Amino acid sequence: MNVEHEIELLKTEMQRLGSPNADGKISVKFGVLFSDDRCANIFEALVGTLRAAKRKKIVKYDGELLLQGVHDNVDIVLLVAAE
């Protein structure tokens, strides 16, 4: 898969599912992203895409590895808007 393309799709889906936080940045809970049917169809490895986006400073979240259930309430913040 093309990582850059997946990151662009991630930004779009985060804007669709998220809402502005106190800083005006789009924020979405990991559980919301993970359980969304559309995201499930788009992303083969959502966690891998999130890690790649975090390394590129496109998103930020606490921790390294996100697991369904355990980290459902972790906020993922979009630092760069979709193009």
Protein backbone atom coordinates (compact mmCIF):
# COMPACT_ATOMS: atom_id res chain seq x y z
CA MET A 1 0.00 0.00 0.00
CA ASN A 2 1.05 3.58 -0.62
CA VAL A 3 1.64 5.06 2.85
CA GLU A 4 1.25 8.68 1.68
CA HIS A 5 -2.11 7.85 0.09
CA GLU A 6 -3.30 6.05 3.24
CA ILE A 7 -2.29 9.03 5.38
CA GLU A 8 -4.34 11.35 3.13
CA LEU A 9 -7.32 9.00 3.52
CA LEU A 10 -6.77 8.98 7.28
CA LYS A 11 -6.85 12.78 7.39
CA THR A 12 -10.13 12.80 5.46
CA GLU A 13 -11.73 10.18 7.70
CA MET A 14 -10.59 11.98 10.86
CA GLN A 15 -12.22 15.18 9.59
CA ARG A 16 -15.42 13.24 8.88
CA LEU A 17 -15.57 11.53 12.28
CA GLY A 18 -13.86 14.03 14.58
CA SER A 19 -14.69 17.35 16.10
CA PRO A 20 -12.62 20.40 17.02
CA ASN A 21 -10.90 20.26 20.41
CA ALA A 22 -10.05 23.24 22.65
CA ASP A 23 -7.13 24.15 20.36
CA GLY A 24 -9.34 24.08 17.25
CA LYS A 25 -7.65 20.91 15.97
CA ILE A 26 -9.72 17.94 14.83
CA SER A 27 -9.75 15.18 17.45
CA VAL A 28 -11.27 11.70 17.29
CA LYS A 29 -11.21 8.78 19.71
CA PHE A 30 -9.31 5.69 18.58
CA GLY A 31 -12.36 3.52 19.26
CA VAL A 32 -14.49 5.66 16.94
CA LEU A 33 -11.97 5.32 14.12
CA PHE A 34 -11.42 1.61 14.72
CA SER A 35 -15.12 0.68 14.85
CA ASP A 36 -16.22 2.81 11.87
CA ASP A 37 -17.33 0.59 8.96
CA ARG A 38 -15.97 2.92 6.30
CA CYS A 39 -12.54 3.03 7.97
CA ALA A 40 -12.55 -0.75 8.33
CA ASN A 41 -13.03 -1.03 4.55
CA ILE A 42 -10.36 1.57 3.71
CA PHE A 43 -7.54 0.66 6.09
CA GLU A 44 -6.01 -2.80 6.14
CA ALA A 45 -3.81 -1.81 9.06
CA LEU A 46 -5.25 1.27 10.77
CA VAL A 47 -2.73 1.11 13.62
CA GLY A 48 0.16 1.00 11.13
CA THR A 49 -1.22 3.99 9.25
CA LEU A 50 -1.62 5.90 12.52
CA ARG A 51 1.98 5.11 13.53
CA ALA A 52 3.28 6.28 10.13
CA ALA A 53 1.24 9.49 10.42
CA LYS A 54 2.55 10.06 13.96
CA ARG A 55 6.17 9.64 12.78
CA LYS A 56 5.50 12.28 10.11
CA LYS A 57 3.92 14.58 12.75
CA ILE A 58 0.54 14.56 11.00
CA VAL A 59 -1.29 13.20 14.04
CA LYS A 60 -0.48 12.99 17.72
CA TYR A 61 -1.66 10.67 20.46
CA ASP A 62 -0.37 9.31 23.74
CA GLY A 63 1.53 6.03 23.65
CA GLU A 64 3.15 4.04 20.89
CA LEU A 65 0.83 1.13 20.15
CA LEU A 66 -2.95 1.47 20.15
CA LEU A 67 -5.05 -1.62 20.86
CA GLN A 68 -8.79 -2.00 20.36
CA GLY A 69 -10.67 -1.97 23.64
CA VAL A 70 -7.72 -0.94 25.81
CA HIS A 71 -7.13 2.38 24.01
CA ASP A 72 -10.62 3.17 22.69
CA ASN A 73 -10.71 6.48 24.62
CA VAL A 74 -7.33 7.74 23.42
CA ASP A 75 -7.66 11.04 21.56
CA ILE A 76 -5.99 11.20 18.15
CA VAL A 77 -5.39 14.79 17.14
CA LEU A 78 -5.00 15.83 13.50
CA LEU A 79 -2.15 18.32 13.24
CA VAL A 80 -2.29 18.81 9.45
CA ALA A 81 -5.55 19.28 7.53
CA ALA A 82 -6.44 17.17 4.49
CA GLU A 83 -5.43 18.68 1.17
